[in-house]
PDB file of all heavy atoms in Angstrom:
ATOM      1  N   ILE A   1    -192.130 137.820 218.156  1.00  0.00           N
ATOM      2  CA  ILE A   1    -193.134 137.415 217.176  1.00  0.00           C
ATOM      3  C   ILE A   1    -194.184 136.601 217.904  1.00  0.00           C
ATOM      4  O   ILE A   1    -193.874 135.555 218.491  1.00  0.00           O
ATOM      5  CB  ILE A   1    -192.503 136.593 216.035  1.00  0.00           C
ATOM      6  CG1 ILE A   1    -191.419 137.425 215.329  1.00  0.00           C
ATOM      7  CG2 ILE A   1    -193.558 136.161 215.037  1.00  0.00           C
ATOM      8  CD1 ILE A   1    -190.694 136.686 214.232  1.00  0.00           C
ATOM      9  N   PRO A   2    -195.444 137.060 217.914  1.00  0.00           N
ATOM     10  CA  PRO A   2    -196.495 136.353 218.656  1.00  0.00           C
ATOM     11  C   PRO A   2    -196.590 134.891 218.251  1.00  0.00           C
ATOM     12  O   PRO A   2    -196.442 134.547 217.071  1.00  0.00           O
ATOM     13  CB  PRO A   2    -197.770 137.118 218.273  1.00  0.00           C
ATOM     14  CG  PRO A   2    -197.294 138.452 217.820  1.00  0.00           C
ATOM     15  CD  PRO A   2    -195.957 138.232 217.196  1.00  0.00           C
ATOM     16  N   GLU A   3    -196.815 134.033 219.221  1.00  0.00           N
ATOM     17  CA  GLU A   3    -196.944 132.597 218.935  1.00  0.00           C
ATOM     18  C   GLU A   3    -198.072 132.328 217.961  1.00  0.00           C
ATOM     19  O   GLU A   3    -198.033 131.380 217.183  1.00  0.00           O
ATOM     20  CB  GLU A   3    -197.176 131.830 220.239  1.00  0.00           C
ATOM     21  CG  GLU A   3    -195.933 131.666 221.086  1.00  0.00           C
ATOM     22  CD  GLU A   3    -194.811 130.965 220.329  1.00  0.00           C
ATOM     23  OE1 GLU A   3    -195.088 129.954 219.661  1.00  0.00           O
ATOM     24  OE2 GLU A   3    -193.672 131.432 220.394  1.00  0.00           O
ATOM     25  N   ALA A   4    -199.101 133.202 218.001  1.00  0.00           N
ATOM     26  CA  ALA A   4    -200.243 133.005 217.091  1.00  0.00           C
ATOM     27  C   ALA A   4    -199.813 133.036 215.640  1.00  0.00           C
ATOM     28  O   ALA A   4    -200.436 132.431 214.770  1.00  0.00           O
ATOM     29  CB  ALA A   4    -201.296 134.084 217.335  1.00  0.00           C
ATOM     30  N   ALA A   5    -198.702 133.742 215.379  1.00  0.00           N
ATOM     31  CA  ALA A   5    -198.222 133.835 214.003  1.00  0.00           C
ATOM     32  C   ALA A   5    -197.751 132.496 213.472  1.00  0.00           C
ATOM     33  O   ALA A   5    -197.707 132.285 212.267  1.00  0.00           O
ATOM     34  CB  ALA A   5    -197.075 134.846 213.918  1.00  0.00           C
ATOM     35  N   PHE A   6    -197.396 131.580 214.388  1.00  0.00           N
ATOM     36  CA  PHE A   6    -196.840 130.298 213.954  1.00  0.00           C
ATOM     37  C   PHE A   6    -197.774 129.122 214.191  1.00  0.00           C
ATOM     38  O   PHE A   6    -197.421 127.993 213.925  1.00  0.00           O
ATOM     39  CB  PHE A   6    -195.509 130.039 214.670  1.00  0.00           C
ATOM     40  CG  PHE A   6    -194.459 131.015 214.293  1.00  0.00           C
ATOM     41  CD1 PHE A   6    -194.175 132.093 215.114  1.00  0.00           C
ATOM     42  CD2 PHE A   6    -193.771 130.886 213.107  1.00  0.00           C
ATOM     43  CE1 PHE A   6    -193.206 133.002 214.762  1.00  0.00           C
ATOM     44  CE2 PHE A   6    -192.798 131.792 212.739  1.00  0.00           C
ATOM     45  CZ  PHE A   6    -192.515 132.858 213.568  1.00  0.00           C
ATOM     46  N   SER A   7    -198.990 129.403 214.653  1.00  0.00           N
ATOM     47  CA  SER A   7    -199.894 128.293 214.950  1.00  0.00           C
ATOM     48  C   SER A   7    -200.242 127.507 213.699  1.00  0.00           C
ATOM     49  O   SER A   7    -200.213 126.287 213.693  1.00  0.00           O
ATOM     50  CB  SER A   7    -201.166 128.818 215.618  1.00  0.00           C
ATOM     51  OG  SER A   7    -201.823 129.739 214.768  1.00  0.00           O
ATOM     52  N   ALA A   8    -200.543 128.222 212.621  1.00  0.00           N
ATOM     53  CA  ALA A   8    -200.897 127.521 211.381  1.00  0.00           C
ATOM     54  C   ALA A   8    -199.712 126.762 210.802  1.00  0.00           C
ATOM     55  O   ALA A   8    -199.823 125.589 210.467  1.00  0.00           O
ATOM     56  CB  ALA A   8    -201.459 128.507 210.362  1.00  0.00           C
ATOM     57  N   PRO A   9    -198.503 127.390 210.681  1.00  0.00           N
ATOM     58  CA  PRO A   9    -197.360 126.632 210.177  1.00  0.00           C
ATOM     59  C   PRO A   9    -197.040 125.406 211.010  1.00  0.00           C
ATOM     60  O   PRO A   9    -196.678 124.357 210.474  1.00  0.00           O
ATOM     61  CB  PRO A   9    -196.224 127.666 210.228  1.00  0.00           C
ATOM     62  CG  PRO A   9    -196.912 128.984 210.098  1.00  0.00           C
ATOM     63  CD  PRO A   9    -198.198 128.822 210.838  1.00  0.00           C
ATOM     64  N   GLN A  10    -197.130 125.503 212.368  1.00  0.00           N
ATOM     65  CA  GLN A  10    -196.834 124.350 213.204  1.00  0.00           C
ATOM     66  C   GLN A  10    -197.840 123.233 212.957  1.00  0.00           C
ATOM     67  O   GLN A  10    -197.487 122.061 212.905  1.00  0.00           O
ATOM     68  CB  GLN A  10    -196.843 124.773 214.676  1.00  0.00           C
ATOM     69  CG  GLN A  10    -195.616 125.576 215.080  1.00  0.00           C
ATOM     70  CD  GLN A  10    -195.687 126.068 216.507  1.00  0.00           C
ATOM     71  OE1 GLN A  10    -196.745 126.078 217.130  1.00  0.00           O
ATOM     72  NE2 GLN A  10    -194.558 126.495 217.039  1.00  0.00           N
ATOM     73  N   LYS A  11    -199.095 123.619 212.805  1.00  0.00           N
ATOM     74  CA  LYS A  11    -200.122 122.620 212.524  1.00  0.00           C
ATOM     75  C   LYS A  11    -199.853 121.970 211.171  1.00  0.00           C
ATOM     76  O   LYS A  11    -199.946 120.743 211.026  1.00  0.00           O
ATOM     77  CB  LYS A  11    -201.493 123.298 212.530  1.00  0.00           C
ATOM     78  CG  LYS A  11    -202.641 122.362 212.220  1.00  0.00           C
ATOM     79  CD  LYS A  11    -203.942 123.147 212.252  1.00  0.00           C
ATOM     80  CE  LYS A  11    -205.119 122.264 211.864  1.00  0.00           C
ATOM     81  NZ  LYS A  11    -206.379 123.023 211.869  1.00  0.00           N
ATOM     82  N   ASN A  12    -199.507 122.784 210.186  1.00  0.00           N
ATOM     83  CA  ASN A  12    -199.213 122.249 208.864  1.00  0.00           C
ATOM     84  C   ASN A  12    -198.012 121.310 208.915  1.00  0.00           C
ATOM     85  O   ASN A  12    -197.953 120.329 208.171  1.00  0.00           O
ATOM     86  CB  ASN A  12    -198.943 123.387 207.879  1.00  0.00           C
ATOM     87  CG  ASN A  12    -200.211 124.158 207.535  1.00  0.00           C
ATOM     88  OD1 ASN A  12    -201.319 123.734 207.875  1.00  0.00           O
ATOM     89  ND2 ASN A  12    -200.052 125.292 206.871  1.00  0.00           N
ATOM     90  N   HIS A  13    -197.057 121.614 209.780  1.00  0.00           N
ATOM     91  CA  HIS A  13    -195.895 120.732 209.926  1.00  0.00           C
ATOM     92  C   HIS A  13    -196.333 119.340 210.381  1.00  0.00           C
ATOM     93  O   HIS A  13    -195.815 118.320 209.896  1.00  0.00           O
ATOM     94  CB  HIS A  13    -194.919 121.338 210.936  1.00  0.00           C
ATOM     95  CG  HIS A  13    -193.673 120.538 211.116  1.00  0.00           C
ATOM     96  ND1 HIS A  13    -192.719 120.402 210.125  1.00  0.00           N
ATOM     97  CD2 HIS A  13    -193.221 119.792 212.173  1.00  0.00           C
ATOM     98  CE1 HIS A  13    -191.745 119.626 210.552  1.00  0.00           C
ATOM     99  NE2 HIS A  13    -192.010 119.247 211.790  1.00  0.00           N
ATOM    100  N   SER A  14    -197.298 119.274 211.288  1.00  0.00           N
ATOM    101  CA  SER A  14    -197.807 117.986 211.752  1.00  0.00           C
ATOM    102  C   SER A  14    -198.496 117.240 210.616  1.00  0.00           C
ATOM    103  O   SER A  14    -198.350 116.022 210.468  1.00  0.00           O
ATOM    104  CB  SER A  14    -198.782 118.200 212.916  1.00  0.00           C
ATOM    105  OG  SER A  14    -199.346 116.977 213.327  1.00  0.00           O
ATOM    106  N   LEU A  15    -199.241 117.974 209.785  1.00  0.00           N
ATOM    107  CA  LEU A  15    -199.920 117.330 208.645  1.00  0.00           C
ATOM    108  C   LEU A  15    -198.893 116.763 207.665  1.00  0.00           C
ATOM    109  O   LEU A  15    -199.067 115.663 207.134  1.00  0.00           O
ATOM    110  CB  LEU A  15    -200.823 118.337 207.934  1.00  0.00           C
ATOM    111  CG  LEU A  15    -201.916 119.029 208.758  1.00  0.00           C
ATOM    112  CD1 LEU A  15    -202.809 119.874 207.848  1.00  0.00           C
ATOM    113  CD2 LEU A  15    -202.756 118.017 209.521  1.00  0.00           C
ATOM    114  N   LYS A  16    -197.816 117.521 207.437  1.00  0.00           N
ATOM    115  CA  LYS A  16    -196.777 117.045 206.521  1.00  0.00           C
ATOM    116  C   LYS A  16    -196.048 115.826 207.082  1.00  0.00           C
ATOM    117  O   LYS A  16    -195.690 114.912 206.333  1.00  0.00           O
ATOM    118  CB  LYS A  16    -195.778 118.170 206.230  1.00  0.00           C
ATOM    119  CG  LYS A  16    -196.332 119.261 205.331  1.00  0.00           C
ATOM    120  CD  LYS A  16    -195.268 120.295 204.982  1.00  0.00           C
ATOM    121  CE  LYS A  16    -195.813 121.336 204.016  1.00  0.00           C
ATOM    122  NZ  LYS A  16    -194.796 122.336 203.634  1.00  0.00           N
ATOM    123  N   GLU A  17    -195.824 115.823 208.390  1.00  0.00           N
ATOM    124  CA  GLU A  17    -195.184 114.657 209.005  1.00  0.00           C
ATOM    125  C   GLU A  17    -196.046 113.415 208.841  1.00  0.00           C
ATOM    126  O   GLU A  17    -195.532 112.310 208.611  1.00  0.00           O
ATOM    127  CB  GLU A  17    -194.922 114.936 210.488  1.00  0.00           C
ATOM    128  CG  GLU A  17    -193.725 115.813 210.752  1.00  0.00           C
ATOM    129  CD  GLU A  17    -193.363 115.843 212.224  1.00  0.00           C
ATOM    130  OE1 GLU A  17    -194.272 115.694 213.060  1.00  0.00           O
ATOM    131  OE2 GLU A  17    -192.167 116.010 212.537  1.00  0.00           O
ATOM    132  N   GLY A  18    -197.371 113.582 208.986  1.00  0.00           N
ATOM    133  CA  GLY A  18    -198.282 112.453 208.782  1.00  0.00           C
ATOM    134  C   GLY A  18    -198.213 111.927 207.365  1.00  0.00           C
ATOM    135  O   GLY A  18    -198.176 110.713 207.133  1.00  0.00           O
ATOM    136  N   CYS A  19    -198.159 112.842 206.382  1.00  0.00           N
ATOM    137  CA  CYS A  19    -198.065 112.427 204.974  1.00  0.00           C
ATOM    138  C   CYS A  19    -196.736 111.739 204.692  1.00  0.00           C
ATOM    139  O   CYS A  19    -196.678 110.770 203.926  1.00  0.00           O
ATOM    140  CB  CYS A  19    -198.237 113.649 204.059  1.00  0.00           C
ATOM    141  SG  CYS A  19    -199.915 114.306 203.987  1.00  0.00           S
ATOM    142  N   GLN A  20    -195.688 112.230 205.323  1.00  0.00           N
ATOM    143  CA  GLN A  20    -194.375 111.618 205.125  1.00  0.00           C
ATOM    144  C   GLN A  20    -194.350 110.185 205.658  1.00  0.00           C
ATOM    145  O   GLN A  20    -193.826 109.270 205.005  1.00  0.00           O
ATOM    146  CB  GLN A  20    -193.310 112.464 205.806  1.00  0.00           C
ATOM    147  CG  GLN A  20    -191.883 112.040 205.481  1.00  0.00           C
ATOM    148  CD  GLN A  20    -190.868 113.008 206.040  1.00  0.00           C
ATOM    149  OE1 GLN A  20    -190.849 113.265 207.249  1.00  0.00           O
ATOM    150  NE2 GLN A  20    -190.029 113.563 205.179  1.00  0.00           N
ATOM    151  N   LEU A  21    -194.929 109.975 206.839  1.00  0.00           N
ATOM    152  CA  LEU A  21    -195.005 108.629 207.401  1.00  0.00           C
ATOM    153  C   LEU A  21    -195.848 107.723 206.507  1.00  0.00           C
ATOM    154  O   LEU A  21    -195.474 106.564 206.242  1.00  0.00           O
ATOM    155  CB  LEU A  21    -195.606 108.683 208.808  1.00  0.00           C
ATOM    156  CG  LEU A  21    -195.874 107.328 209.476  1.00  0.00           C
ATOM    157  CD1 LEU A  21    -194.564 106.546 209.662  1.00  0.00           C
ATOM    158  CD2 LEU A  21    -196.584 107.506 210.818  1.00  0.00           C
ATOM    159  N   ALA A  22    -196.982 108.235 206.021  1.00  0.00           N
ATOM    160  CA  ALA A  22    -197.862 107.439 205.159  1.00  0.00           C
ATOM    161  C   ALA A  22    -197.139 107.032 203.876  1.00  0.00           C
ATOM    162  O   ALA A  22    -197.256 105.884 203.422  1.00  0.00           O
ATOM    163  CB  ALA A  22    -199.124 108.231 204.826  1.00  0.00           C
ATOM    164  N   ALA A  23    -196.369 107.960 203.283  1.00  0.00           N
ATOM    165  CA  ALA A  23    -195.652 107.647 202.044  1.00  0.00           C
ATOM    166  C   ALA A  23    -194.638 106.532 202.261  1.00  0.00           C
ATOM    167  O   ALA A  23    -194.536 105.590 201.454  1.00  0.00           O
ATOM    168  CB  ALA A  23    -194.955 108.908 201.517  1.00  0.00           C
ATOM    169  N   ARG A  24    -193.885 106.611 203.351  1.00  0.00           N
ATOM    170  CA  ARG A  24    -192.892 105.567 203.643  1.00  0.00           C
ATOM    171  C   ARG A  24    -193.581 104.227 203.910  1.00  0.00           C
ATOM    172  O   ARG A  24    -193.114 103.173 203.468  1.00  0.00           O
ATOM    173  CB  ARG A  24    -192.041 105.972 204.851  1.00  0.00           C
ATOM    174  CG  ARG A  24    -191.112 107.136 204.615  1.00  0.00           C
ATOM    175  CD  ARG A  24    -189.993 107.169 205.659  1.00  0.00           C
ATOM    176  NE  ARG A  24    -190.522 107.199 207.010  1.00  0.00           N
ATOM    177  CZ  ARG A  24    -190.732 108.307 207.716  1.00  0.00           C
ATOM    178  NH1 ARG A  24    -190.462 109.487 207.169  1.00  0.00           N
ATOM    179  NH2 ARG A  24    -191.198 108.246 208.945  1.00  0.00           N
ATOM    180  N   PHE A  25    -194.693 104.282 204.628  1.00  0.00           N
ATOM    181  CA  PHE A  25    -195.416 103.069 204.988  1.00  0.00           C
ATOM    182  C   PHE A  25    -195.980 102.384 203.748  1.00  0.00           C
ATOM    183  O   PHE A  25    -195.807 101.168 203.558  1.00  0.00           O
ATOM    184  CB  PHE A  25    -196.534 103.430 205.965  1.00  0.00           C
ATOM    185  CG  PHE A  25    -197.396 102.263 206.369  1.00  0.00           C
ATOM    186  CD1 PHE A  25    -196.861 101.174 207.033  1.00  0.00           C
ATOM    187  CD2 PHE A  25    -198.765 102.260 206.081  1.00  0.00           C
ATOM    188  CE1 PHE A  25    -197.661 100.096 207.415  1.00  0.00           C
ATOM    189  CE2 PHE A  25    -199.563 101.200 206.450  1.00  0.00           C
ATOM    190  CZ  PHE A  25    -199.013 100.109 207.111  1.00  0.00           C
ATOM    191  N   TYR A  26    -196.653 103.131 202.892  1.00  0.00           N
ATOM    192  CA  TYR A  26    -197.238 102.547 201.677  1.00  0.00           C
ATOM    193  C   TYR A  26    -196.154 101.946 200.782  1.00  0.00           C
ATOM    194  O   TYR A  26    -196.328 100.861 200.209  1.00  0.00           O
ATOM    195  CB  TYR A  26    -198.004 103.619 200.893  1.00  0.00           C
ATOM    196  CG  TYR A  26    -199.334 104.030 201.500  1.00  0.00           C
ATOM    197  CD1 TYR A  26    -199.753 105.369 201.446  1.00  0.00           C
ATOM    198  CD2 TYR A  26    -200.179 103.099 202.088  1.00  0.00           C
ATOM    199  CE1 TYR A  26    -200.986 105.762 201.976  1.00  0.00           C
ATOM    200  CE2 TYR A  26    -201.411 103.478 202.617  1.00  0.00           C
ATOM    201  CZ  TYR A  26    -201.801 104.811 202.561  1.00  0.00           C
ATOM    202  OH  TYR A  26    -203.015 105.181 203.082  1.00  0.00           O
ATOM    203  N   HIS A  27    -195.024 102.658 200.645  1.00  0.00           N
ATOM    204  CA  HIS A  27    -193.948 102.168 199.784  1.00  0.00           C
ATOM    205  C   HIS A  27    -193.340 100.884 200.361  1.00  0.00           C
ATOM    206  O   HIS A  27    -193.042  99.935 199.613  1.00  0.00           O
ATOM    207  CB  HIS A  27    -192.868 103.246 199.641  1.00  0.00           C
ATOM    208  CG  HIS A  27    -191.760 102.863 198.716  1.00  0.00           C
ATOM    209  ND1 HIS A  27    -191.950 102.619 197.371  1.00  0.00           N
ATOM    210  CD2 HIS A  27    -190.415 102.680 198.940  1.00  0.00           C
ATOM    211  CE1 HIS A  27    -190.801 102.305 196.800  1.00  0.00           C
ATOM    212  NE2 HIS A  27    -189.854 102.330 197.739  1.00  0.00           N
ATOM    213  N   HIS A  28    -193.189 100.830 201.665  1.00  0.00           N
ATOM    214  CA  HIS A  28    -192.663  99.628 202.313  1.00  0.00           C
ATOM    215  C   HIS A  28    -193.591  98.437 202.081  1.00  0.00           C
ATOM    216  O   HIS A  28    -193.123  97.329 201.771  1.00  0.00           O
ATOM    217  CB  HIS A  28    -192.491  99.878 203.811  1.00  0.00           C
ATOM    218  CG  HIS A  28    -192.089  98.652 204.580  1.00  0.00           C
ATOM    219  ND1 HIS A  28    -190.798  98.159 204.588  1.00  0.00           N
ATOM    220  CD2 HIS A  28    -192.831  97.784 205.349  1.00  0.00           C
ATOM    221  CE1 HIS A  28    -190.751  97.069 205.310  1.00  0.00           C
ATOM    222  NE2 HIS A  28    -191.962  96.812 205.803  1.00  0.00           N
ATOM    223  N   LEU A  29    -194.897  98.662 202.206  1.00  0.00           N
ATOM    224  CA  LEU A  29    -195.850  97.566 201.994  1.00  0.00           C
ATOM    225  C   LEU A  29    -195.730  96.993 200.591  1.00  0.00           C
ATOM    226  O   LEU A  29    -195.786  95.776 200.392  1.00  0.00           O
ATOM    227  CB  LEU A  29    -197.282  98.065 202.224  1.00  0.00           C
ATOM    228  CG  LEU A  29    -197.723  98.338 203.676  1.00  0.00           C
ATOM    229  CD1 LEU A  29    -199.163  98.833 203.703  1.00  0.00           C
ATOM    230  CD2 LEU A  29    -197.587  97.077 204.538  1.00  0.00           C
ATOM    231  N   LEU A  30    -195.559  97.865 199.592  1.00  0.00           N
ATOM    232  CA  LEU A  30    -195.481  97.403 198.207  1.00  0.00           C
ATOM    233  C   LEU A  30    -194.190  96.637 197.937  1.00  0.00           C
ATOM    234  O   LEU A  30    -194.210  95.575 197.305  1.00  0.00           O
ATOM    235  CB  LEU A  30    -195.582  98.595 197.252  1.00  0.00           C
ATOM    236  CG  LEU A  30    -195.492  98.241 195.762  1.00  0.00           C
ATOM    237  CD1 LEU A  30    -196.762  97.537 195.299  1.00  0.00           C
ATOM    238  CD2 LEU A  30    -195.248  99.483 194.915  1.00  0.00           C
TER     239      LEU A  30
END
């Protein structure tokens, strides 16, 4: 399976990881 097929999902995974960290951080602050 060409790597190009997974470039978008891998990028989206990074975006989701960022959102997950932000959610934990904001909740901890509160």
